[in-house]
C-alpha atoms as a PDB file:
ATOM      1  CA  MET A   1      24.175 -25.422  20.552  1.00  0.00           C
ATOM      2  CA  VAL A   2      25.322 -21.861  20.974  1.00  0.00           C
ATOM      3  CA  LYS A   3      26.460 -19.669  18.468  1.00  0.00           C
ATOM      4  CA  LEU A   4      28.518 -16.405  18.179  1.00  0.00           C
ATOM      5  CA  ARG A   5      26.853 -14.087  15.684  1.00  0.00           C
ATOM      6  CA  LEU A   6      25.512 -10.684  14.503  1.00  0.00           C
ATOM      7  CA  LYS A   7      22.328  -9.350  15.737  1.00  0.00           C
ATOM      8  CA  ARG A   8      20.927  -6.431  13.793  1.00  0.00           C
ATOM      9  CA  MET A   9      20.004  -3.060  15.204  1.00  0.00           C
ATOM     10  CA  GLY A  10      19.740   0.193  13.956  1.00  0.00           C
ATOM     11  CA  ALA A  11      17.278   1.846  11.444  1.00  0.00           C
ATOM     12  CA  LYS A  12      16.501   1.021   7.896  1.00  0.00           C
ATOM     13  CA  LYS A  13      19.645   1.190   5.374  1.00  0.00           C
ATOM     14  CA  VAL A  14      21.469   2.164   8.644  1.00  0.00           C
ATOM     15  CA  PRO A  15      22.660  -0.867  10.094  1.00  0.00           C
ATOM     16  CA  PHE A  16      24.287  -1.481  13.113  1.00  0.00           C
ATOM     17  CA  TYR A  17      25.377  -4.925  14.941  1.00  0.00           C
ATOM     18  CA  ARG A  18      25.615  -6.420  18.047  1.00  0.00           C
ATOM     19  CA  ILE A  19      27.755  -9.571  18.644  1.00  0.00           C
ATOM     20  CA  VAL A  20      25.953 -11.933  20.693  1.00  0.00           C
ATOM     21  CA  ALA A  21      26.002 -15.395  22.056  1.00  0.00           C
ATOM     22  CA  ALA A  22      22.451 -16.900  21.251  1.00  0.00           C
ATOM     23  CA  ASP A  23      21.049 -20.445  21.056  1.00  0.00           C
ATOM     24  CA  ALA A  24      21.621 -21.537  17.090  1.00  0.00           C
ATOM     25  CA  ARG A  25      17.684 -22.238  17.113  1.00  0.00           C
ATOM     26  CA  ALA A  26      16.823 -18.225  18.035  1.00  0.00           C
ATOM     27  CA  ARG A  27      15.765 -15.977  15.661  1.00  0.00           C
ATOM     28  CA  ARG A  28      18.499 -13.513  14.026  1.00  0.00           C
ATOM     29  CA  ASP A  29      17.041 -10.513  16.174  1.00  0.00           C
ATOM     30  CA  GLY A  30      15.579 -12.674  18.721  1.00  0.00           C
ATOM     31  CA  ARG A  31      16.700 -13.323  22.495  1.00  0.00           C
ATOM     32  CA  ASP A  32      20.407 -13.755  22.795  1.00  0.00           C
ATOM     33  CA  ILE A  33      22.164 -15.229  26.017  1.00  0.00           C
ATOM     34  CA  ALA A  34      24.826 -12.473  26.066  1.00  0.00           C
ATOM     35  CA  THR A  35      26.346  -9.400  24.513  1.00  0.00           C
ATOM     36  CA  LEU A  36      29.641  -9.618  23.365  1.00  0.00           C
ATOM     37  CA  GLY A  37      30.444  -6.442  21.443  1.00  0.00           C
ATOM     38  CA  THR A  38      29.332  -4.070  18.782  1.00  0.00           C
ATOM     39  CA  TYR A  39      30.149  -3.782  14.934  1.00  0.00           C
ATOM     40  CA  ASP A  40      29.220  -0.862  13.029  1.00  0.00           C
ATOM     41  CA  PRO A  41      29.979  -1.162   8.931  1.00  0.00           C
ATOM     42  CA  THR A  42      28.531   2.746   8.332  1.00  0.00           C
ATOM     43  CA  LYS A  43      31.794   4.131   9.565  1.00  0.00           C
ATOM     44  CA  ASN A  44      35.019   4.255   7.372  1.00  0.00           C
ATOM     45  CA  PRO A  45      36.696   2.264   8.463  1.00  0.00           C
ATOM     46  CA  ALA A  46      34.293  -0.053  10.469  1.00  0.00           C
ATOM     47  CA  ILE A  47      34.285   0.203  14.152  1.00  0.00           C
ATOM     48  CA  VAL A  48      34.523  -3.036  15.808  1.00  0.00           C
ATOM     49  CA  ASN A  49      34.156  -3.275  19.750  1.00  0.00           C
ATOM     50  CA  ILE A  50      34.890  -6.675  21.183  1.00  0.00           C
ATOM     51  CA  ASP A  51      34.835  -7.787  25.048  1.00  0.00           C
ATOM     52  CA  GLU A  52      37.642 -10.289  24.471  1.00  0.00           C
ATOM     53  CA  GLU A  53      37.627 -11.882  27.744  1.00  0.00           C
ATOM     54  CA  LYS A  54      33.664 -13.051  27.303  1.00  0.00           C
ATOM     55  CA  VAL A  55      34.279 -14.155  24.119  1.00  0.00           C
ATOM     56  CA  ILE A  56      37.146 -16.470  24.872  1.00  0.00           C
ATOM     57  CA  GLU A  57      34.986 -17.638  27.654  1.00  0.00           C
ATOM     58  CA  TRP A  58      32.176 -18.346  25.340  1.00  0.00           C
ATOM     59  CA  LEU A  59      34.462 -20.444  22.628  1.00  0.00           C
ATOM     60  CA  ASN A  60      36.128 -22.446  25.820  1.00  0.00           C
ATOM     61  CA  LYS A  61      32.389 -23.509  26.572  1.00  0.00           C
ATOM     62  CA  GLY A  62      31.837 -24.494  22.743  1.00  0.00           C
ATOM     63  CA  ALA A  63      30.327 -21.880  21.292  1.00  0.00           C
ATOM     64  CA  THR A  64      30.625 -21.622  17.496  1.00  0.00           C
ATOM     65  CA  PRO A  65      31.242 -18.385  15.701  1.00  0.00           C
ATOM     66  CA  THR A  66      29.712 -17.735  12.265  1.00  0.00           C
ATOM     67  CA  ASP A  67      31.736 -16.997   9.580  1.00  0.00           C
ATOM     68  CA  THR A  68      31.556 -13.066   9.658  1.00  0.00           C
ATOM     69  CA  VAL A  69      32.027 -12.909  13.337  1.00  0.00           C
ATOM     70  CA  ARG A  70      34.873 -15.184  12.873  1.00  0.00           C
ATOM     71  CA  SER A  71      36.484 -12.816  10.260  1.00  0.00           C
ATOM     72  CA  LEU A  72      35.919  -9.932  12.877  1.00  0.00           C
ATOM     73  CA  LEU A  73      37.475 -11.773  15.779  1.00  0.00           C
ATOM     74  CA  ALA A  74      40.558 -12.669  13.380  1.00  0.00           C
ATOM     75  CA  LYS A  75      40.883  -9.086  12.321  1.00  0.00           C
ATOM     76  CA  ASN A  76      40.901  -7.977  16.136  1.00  0.00           C
ATOM     77  CA  GLY A  77      43.222 -10.556  17.065  1.00  0.00           C
ATOM     78  CA  THR A  78      40.910 -12.405  19.578  1.00  0.00           C
ATOM     79  CA  MET A  79      40.838 -15.628  17.541  1.00  0.00           C
ATOM     80  CA  GLN A  80      44.681 -15.914  17.835  1.00  0.00           C
ATOM     81  CA  LYS A  81      44.736 -14.950  21.694  1.00  0.00           C
ATOM     82  CA  TYR A  82      42.196 -17.933  21.870  1.00  0.00           C
ATOM     83  CA  LEU A  83      44.101 -20.555  19.884  1.00  0.00           C
ATOM     84  CA  ASP A  84      47.218 -19.735  21.891  1.00  0.00           C
ATOM     85  CA  SER A  85      45.356 -20.068  25.426  1.00  0.00           C
ATOM     86  CA  LYS A  86      43.997 -23.326  23.934  1.00  0.00           C
ATOM     87  CA  LYS A  87      47.646 -24.825  23.044  1.00  0.00           C
ATOM     88  CA  SER A  88      48.942 -23.683  26.429  1.00  0.00           C
ATOM     89  CA  LYS A  89      46.562 -25.931  28.239  1.00  0.00           C
END
């Protein structure tokens, strides 16, 4: 099963995350299938960059976002676009 989740990057006590599609059995910082965006919580406000087309493509393929990624996608409006595209089919 593929999950959309955060992969931690950056130095100690200075977190930086990549939003990735990864096998659910893979380690958190292990191998990922595709990089879909970035999340930087150290800035105020937090910076979120998401490739919406790739995310919607993975969601259509059946990927499941984690709770944190789901909330980031909802704040960005990507989840609403996905749900609208799903209803129109």
